[in-house]
Amino acid sequence: ANNVRDVDRDRGVGAYTLAAALGGYAKWLYVALLISTYAVQALLILLRLLPMYTMATIALTPLMARMIRNAIRDSFERLDEATSLYSLAYAALLIVGLMI
């Protein structure tokens, strides 16, 4: 999220980041990575490699939906903070689900 927000500035100073290389596709990579967290988790649950209790992370779906909506609208100003909080909360809920 942070790199996508700074694409124009990075290009202006000649900085090479993945987001700068991807250009307009960078936001779609961000969205795909967010969605893939649940897709991979669901697959691991179906394969019985993760316990069902780890689905407690589903409580974060509204936050993720808001983050995706902001990314699609190119509103990246506070998205890096939201991404950090989402990652922390996701990891915490996943750990709790594993401990149960």
N, C-alpha and C. Protein backbone atom coordinates (compact mmCIF):
# COMPACT_ATOMS: atom_id res chain seq x y z
N ALA A 1 0.83 -1.19 0.00
CA ALA A 1 0.00 0.00 0.00
C ALA A 1 0.87 1.25 0.00
N ASN A 2 1.94 1.21 0.77
CA ASN A 2 2.82 2.37 0.85
C ASN A 2 3.51 2.63 -0.48
N ASN A 3 4.01 1.59 -1.12
CA ASN A 3 4.69 1.77 -2.40
C ASN A 3 3.73 2.20 -3.50
N VAL A 4 2.53 1.70 -3.48
CA VAL A 4 1.55 2.09 -4.50
C VAL A 4 1.22 3.56 -4.36
N ARG A 5 1.11 4.02 -3.13
CA ARG A 5 0.81 5.43 -2.88
C ARG A 5 1.90 6.33 -3.43
N ASP A 6 3.15 5.87 -3.39
CA ASP A 6 4.30 6.70 -3.76
C ASP A 6 4.81 6.46 -5.18
N VAL A 7 4.05 5.80 -6.03
CA VAL A 7 4.52 5.45 -7.37
C VAL A 7 4.96 6.68 -8.15
N ASP A 8 4.15 7.71 -8.19
CA ASP A 8 4.50 8.89 -8.99
C ASP A 8 5.76 9.57 -8.46
N ARG A 9 5.86 9.69 -7.15
CA ARG A 9 7.04 10.31 -6.55
C ARG A 9 8.28 9.45 -6.80
N ASP A 10 8.15 8.14 -6.66
CA ASP A 10 9.29 7.25 -6.89
C ASP A 10 9.78 7.34 -8.32
N ARG A 11 8.85 7.35 -9.25
CA ARG A 11 9.24 7.47 -10.66
C ARG A 11 9.93 8.80 -10.92
N GLY A 12 9.47 9.85 -10.25
CA GLY A 12 10.05 11.18 -10.42
C GLY A 12 11.50 11.27 -9.98
N VAL A 13 11.87 10.49 -8.98
CA VAL A 13 13.25 10.53 -8.48
C VAL A 13 14.06 9.34 -8.98
N GLY A 14 13.46 8.53 -9.84
CA GLY A 14 14.18 7.40 -10.43
C GLY A 14 14.28 6.18 -9.52
N ALA A 15 13.47 6.13 -8.47
CA ALA A 15 13.48 4.97 -7.58
C ALA A 15 12.76 3.81 -8.27
N TYR A 16 13.30 2.62 -8.11
CA TYR A 16 12.71 1.46 -8.75
C TYR A 16 12.09 0.57 -7.69
N THR A 17 10.78 0.49 -7.66
CA THR A 17 10.06 -0.39 -6.74
C THR A 17 9.16 -1.30 -7.56
N LEU A 18 8.67 -2.34 -6.93
CA LEU A 18 7.75 -3.23 -7.62
C LEU A 18 6.51 -2.47 -8.07
N ALA A 19 6.01 -1.60 -7.20
CA ALA A 19 4.82 -0.82 -7.56
C ALA A 19 5.09 0.09 -8.75
N ALA A 20 6.26 0.68 -8.80
CA ALA A 20 6.61 1.55 -9.93
C ALA A 20 6.72 0.72 -11.21
N ALA A 21 7.27 -0.48 -11.11
CA ALA A 21 7.39 -1.34 -12.28
C ALA A 21 6.03 -1.80 -12.79
N LEU A 22 5.11 -2.07 -11.86
CA LEU A 22 3.78 -2.55 -12.24
C LEU A 22 2.87 -1.43 -12.71
N GLY A 23 3.14 -0.22 -12.29
CA GLY A 23 2.32 0.92 -12.67
C GLY A 23 0.89 0.77 -12.15
N GLY A 24 -0.08 0.91 -13.04
CA GLY A 24 -1.49 0.83 -12.68
C GLY A 24 -1.93 -0.55 -12.20
N TYR A 25 -1.11 -1.55 -12.48
CA TYR A 25 -1.46 -2.90 -12.05
C TYR A 25 -1.09 -3.16 -10.58
N ALA A 26 -0.33 -2.27 -9.99
CA ALA A 26 0.13 -2.46 -8.60
C ALA A 26 -1.05 -2.55 -7.63
N LYS A 27 -2.05 -1.73 -7.84
CA LYS A 27 -3.18 -1.78 -6.93
C LYS A 27 -3.92 -3.12 -7.03
N TRP A 28 -3.91 -3.71 -8.24
CA TRP A 28 -4.58 -5.00 -8.41
C TRP A 28 -3.78 -6.12 -7.75
N LEU A 29 -2.47 -5.99 -7.72
CA LEU A 29 -1.66 -6.95 -6.99
C LEU A 29 -1.97 -6.86 -5.50
N TYR A 30 -2.09 -5.64 -5.00
CA TYR A 30 -2.45 -5.41 -3.60
C TYR A 30 -3.79 -6.08 -3.27
N VAL A 31 -4.78 -5.86 -4.12
CA VAL A 31 -6.11 -6.45 -3.92
C VAL A 31 -6.02 -7.98 -3.97
N ALA A 32 -5.29 -8.51 -4.94
CA ALA A 32 -5.15 -9.97 -5.06
C ALA A 32 -4.48 -10.56 -3.83
N LEU A 33 -3.49 -9.89 -3.31
CA LEU A 33 -2.80 -10.40 -2.11
C LEU A 33 -3.74 -10.41 -0.90
N LEU A 34 -4.57 -9.38 -0.77
CA LEU A 34 -5.54 -9.37 0.33
C LEU A 34 -6.52 -10.52 0.20
N ILE A 35 -7.07 -10.70 -0.98
CA ILE A 35 -8.06 -11.76 -1.20
C ILE A 35 -7.42 -13.14 -1.04
N SER A 36 -6.19 -13.27 -1.46
CA SER A 36 -5.53 -14.58 -1.39
C SER A 36 -5.32 -15.06 0.04
N THR A 37 -5.29 -14.14 1.01
CA THR A 37 -5.14 -14.60 2.40
C THR A 37 -6.28 -15.54 2.77
N TYR A 38 -7.49 -15.17 2.41
CA TYR A 38 -8.64 -16.01 2.73
C TYR A 38 -8.72 -17.24 1.82
N ALA A 39 -8.35 -17.08 0.57
CA ALA A 39 -8.39 -18.21 -0.36
C ALA A 39 -7.42 -19.30 0.08
N VAL A 40 -6.20 -18.92 0.42
CA VAL A 40 -5.21 -19.90 0.86
C VAL A 40 -5.62 -20.51 2.20
N GLN A 41 -6.11 -19.67 3.08
CA GLN A 41 -6.56 -20.18 4.39
C GLN A 41 -7.70 -21.18 4.22
N ALA A 42 -8.66 -20.86 3.38
CA ALA A 42 -9.78 -21.79 3.15
C ALA A 42 -9.29 -23.11 2.57
N LEU A 43 -8.36 -23.04 1.64
CA LEU A 43 -7.80 -24.25 1.05
C LEU A 43 -7.09 -25.09 2.11
N LEU A 44 -6.32 -24.45 2.96
CA LEU A 44 -5.61 -25.19 4.02
C LEU A 44 -6.58 -25.81 5.03
N ILE A 45 -7.68 -25.14 5.26
CA ILE A 45 -8.70 -25.72 6.15
C ILE A 45 -9.35 -26.93 5.48
N LEU A 46 -9.67 -26.80 4.19
CA LEU A 46 -10.26 -27.92 3.47
C LEU A 46 -9.32 -29.12 3.40
N LEU A 47 -8.04 -28.85 3.33
CA LEU A 47 -7.04 -29.92 3.31
C LEU A 47 -6.69 -30.43 4.72
N ARG A 48 -7.37 -29.85 5.69
CA ARG A 48 -7.17 -30.20 7.11
C ARG A 48 -5.75 -29.94 7.59
N LEU A 49 -5.14 -28.91 7.03
CA LEU A 49 -3.82 -28.49 7.47
C LEU A 49 -3.91 -27.35 8.47
N LEU A 50 -5.08 -26.73 8.52
CA LEU A 50 -5.37 -25.71 9.53
C LEU A 50 -6.68 -26.08 10.20
N PRO A 51 -6.79 -25.80 11.50
CA PRO A 51 -8.05 -26.08 12.17
C PRO A 51 -9.13 -25.06 11.78
N MET A 52 -10.37 -25.48 11.88
CA MET A 52 -11.51 -24.61 11.54
C MET A 52 -11.53 -23.34 12.40
N TYR A 53 -10.97 -23.42 13.60
CA TYR A 53 -10.98 -22.27 14.50
C TYR A 53 -10.21 -21.08 13.93
N THR A 54 -9.33 -21.34 13.00
CA THR A 54 -8.59 -20.22 12.42
C THR A 54 -9.49 -19.32 11.57
N MET A 55 -10.69 -19.76 11.29
CA MET A 55 -11.63 -18.93 10.54
C MET A 55 -12.12 -17.74 11.35
N ALA A 56 -11.62 -17.60 12.57
CA ALA A 56 -11.92 -16.40 13.35
C ALA A 56 -11.47 -15.15 12.60
N THR A 57 -10.53 -15.33 11.69
CA THR A 57 -10.05 -14.20 10.89
C THR A 57 -11.14 -13.62 9.99
N ILE A 58 -12.21 -14.35 9.79
CA ILE A 58 -13.31 -13.87 8.95
C ILE A 58 -13.93 -12.59 9.54
N ALA A 59 -13.71 -12.38 10.83
CA ALA A 59 -14.21 -11.16 11.47
C ALA A 59 -13.57 -9.91 10.88
N LEU A 60 -12.46 -10.06 10.20
CA LEU A 60 -11.76 -8.92 9.60
C LEU A 60 -12.23 -8.61 8.19
N THR A 61 -13.20 -9.35 7.69
CA THR A 61 -13.67 -9.15 6.32
C THR A 61 -14.17 -7.73 6.06
N PRO A 62 -14.91 -7.10 6.97
CA PRO A 62 -15.33 -5.71 6.69
C PRO A 62 -14.15 -4.75 6.53
N LEU A 63 -13.12 -4.92 7.34
CA LEU A 63 -11.93 -4.08 7.21
C LEU A 63 -11.25 -4.33 5.88
N MET A 64 -11.11 -5.60 5.52
CA MET A 64 -10.48 -5.93 4.24
C MET A 64 -11.30 -5.37 3.08
N ALA A 65 -12.61 -5.46 3.15
CA ALA A 65 -13.47 -4.94 2.08
C ALA A 65 -13.28 -3.43 1.93
N ARG A 66 -13.16 -2.72 3.04
CA ARG A 66 -12.93 -1.27 3.00
C ARG A 66 -11.56 -0.96 2.38
N MET A 67 -10.57 -1.77 2.73
CA MET A 67 -9.23 -1.57 2.18
C MET A 67 -9.23 -1.80 0.66
N ILE A 68 -9.93 -2.83 0.23
CA ILE A 68 -10.02 -3.13 -1.21
C ILE A 68 -10.75 -2.00 -1.93
N ARG A 69 -11.84 -1.54 -1.35
CA ARG A 69 -12.60 -0.43 -1.95
C ARG A 69 -11.72 0.81 -2.10
N ASN A 70 -10.94 1.13 -1.06
CA ASN A 70 -10.06 2.29 -1.14
C ASN A 70 -8.97 2.10 -2.18
N ALA A 71 -8.43 0.90 -2.28
CA ALA A 71 -7.38 0.64 -3.28
C ALA A 71 -7.93 0.80 -4.69
N ILE A 72 -9.10 0.28 -4.94
CA ILE A 72 -9.70 0.39 -6.27
C ILE A 72 -9.98 1.84 -6.62
N ARG A 73 -10.32 2.64 -5.62
CA ARG A 73 -10.58 4.07 -5.84
C ARG A 73 -9.30 4.90 -5.85
N ASP A 74 -8.15 4.24 -5.76
CA ASP A 74 -6.85 4.93 -5.70
C ASP A 74 -6.73 5.85 -4.50
N SER A 75 -7.35 5.49 -3.41
CA SER A 75 -7.27 6.26 -2.17
C SER A 75 -6.29 5.55 -1.23
N PHE A 76 -4.99 5.81 -1.43
CA PHE A 76 -3.95 5.11 -0.70
C PHE A 76 -3.38 5.90 0.48
N GLU A 77 -3.94 7.05 0.79
CA GLU A 77 -3.36 7.92 1.81
C GLU A 77 -3.16 7.24 3.16
N ARG A 78 -4.15 6.59 3.70
CA ARG A 78 -4.03 5.96 5.01
C ARG A 78 -4.08 4.43 4.91
N LEU A 79 -3.95 3.94 3.70
CA LEU A 79 -4.09 2.51 3.48
C LEU A 79 -2.92 1.71 4.03
N ASP A 80 -1.75 2.31 4.08
CA ASP A 80 -0.61 1.58 4.64
C ASP A 80 -0.81 1.32 6.13
N GLU A 81 -1.40 2.28 6.84
CA GLU A 81 -1.70 2.09 8.27
C GLU A 81 -2.76 1.00 8.44
N ALA A 82 -3.79 1.05 7.63
CA ALA A 82 -4.85 0.04 7.71
C ALA A 82 -4.30 -1.35 7.39
N THR A 83 -3.40 -1.43 6.42
CA THR A 83 -2.80 -2.70 6.06
C THR A 83 -1.99 -3.27 7.21
N SER A 84 -1.25 -2.42 7.89
CA SER A 84 -0.47 -2.86 9.05
C SER A 84 -1.37 -3.38 10.16
N LEU A 85 -2.43 -2.64 10.44
CA LEU A 85 -3.36 -3.07 11.49
C LEU A 85 -4.07 -4.37 11.10
N TYR A 86 -4.45 -4.47 9.84
CA TYR A 86 -5.09 -5.69 9.35
C TYR A 86 -4.15 -6.88 9.50
N SER A 87 -2.90 -6.71 9.12
CA SER A 87 -1.92 -7.80 9.21
C SER A 87 -1.72 -8.25 10.65
N LEU A 88 -1.63 -7.29 11.56
CA LEU A 88 -1.47 -7.62 12.98
C LEU A 88 -2.69 -8.36 13.52
N ALA A 89 -3.87 -7.84 13.22
CA ALA A 89 -5.10 -8.48 13.70
C ALA A 89 -5.28 -9.87 13.09
N TYR A 90 -4.97 -10.01 11.80
CA TYR A 90 -5.09 -11.30 11.13
C TYR A 90 -4.16 -12.31 11.78
N ALA A 91 -2.93 -11.92 12.01
CA ALA A 91 -1.95 -12.83 12.63
C ALA A 91 -2.39 -13.21 14.04
N ALA A 92 -2.89 -12.23 14.79
CA ALA A 92 -3.32 -12.52 16.16
C ALA A 92 -4.50 -13.51 16.18
N LEU A 93 -5.48 -13.29 15.32
CA LEU A 93 -6.63 -14.20 15.27
C LEU A 93 -6.24 -15.58 14.75
N LEU A 94 -5.31 -15.62 13.82
CA LEU A 94 -4.83 -16.90 13.31
C LEU A 94 -4.12 -17.67 14.42
N ILE A 95 -3.32 -17.00 15.20
CA ILE A 95 -2.60 -17.64 16.31
C ILE A 95 -3.59 -18.14 17.37
N VAL A 96 -4.57 -17.34 17.68
CA VAL A 96 -5.59 -17.77 18.65
C VAL A 96 -6.31 -19.01 18.13
N GLY A 97 -6.66 -19.01 16.85
CA GLY A 97 -7.31 -20.17 16.25
C GLY A 97 -6.43 -21.41 16.29
N LEU A 98 -5.14 -21.25 16.13
CA LEU A 98 -4.21 -22.37 16.20
C LEU A 98 -4.06 -22.87 17.63
N MET A 99 -4.12 -21.97 18.58
CA MET A 99 -3.94 -22.34 19.99
C MET A 99 -5.16 -23.10 20.52
N ILE A 100 -6.34 -22.77 19.99
CA ILE A 100 -7.55 -23.45 20.44
C ILE A 100 -7.50 -24.87 19.97
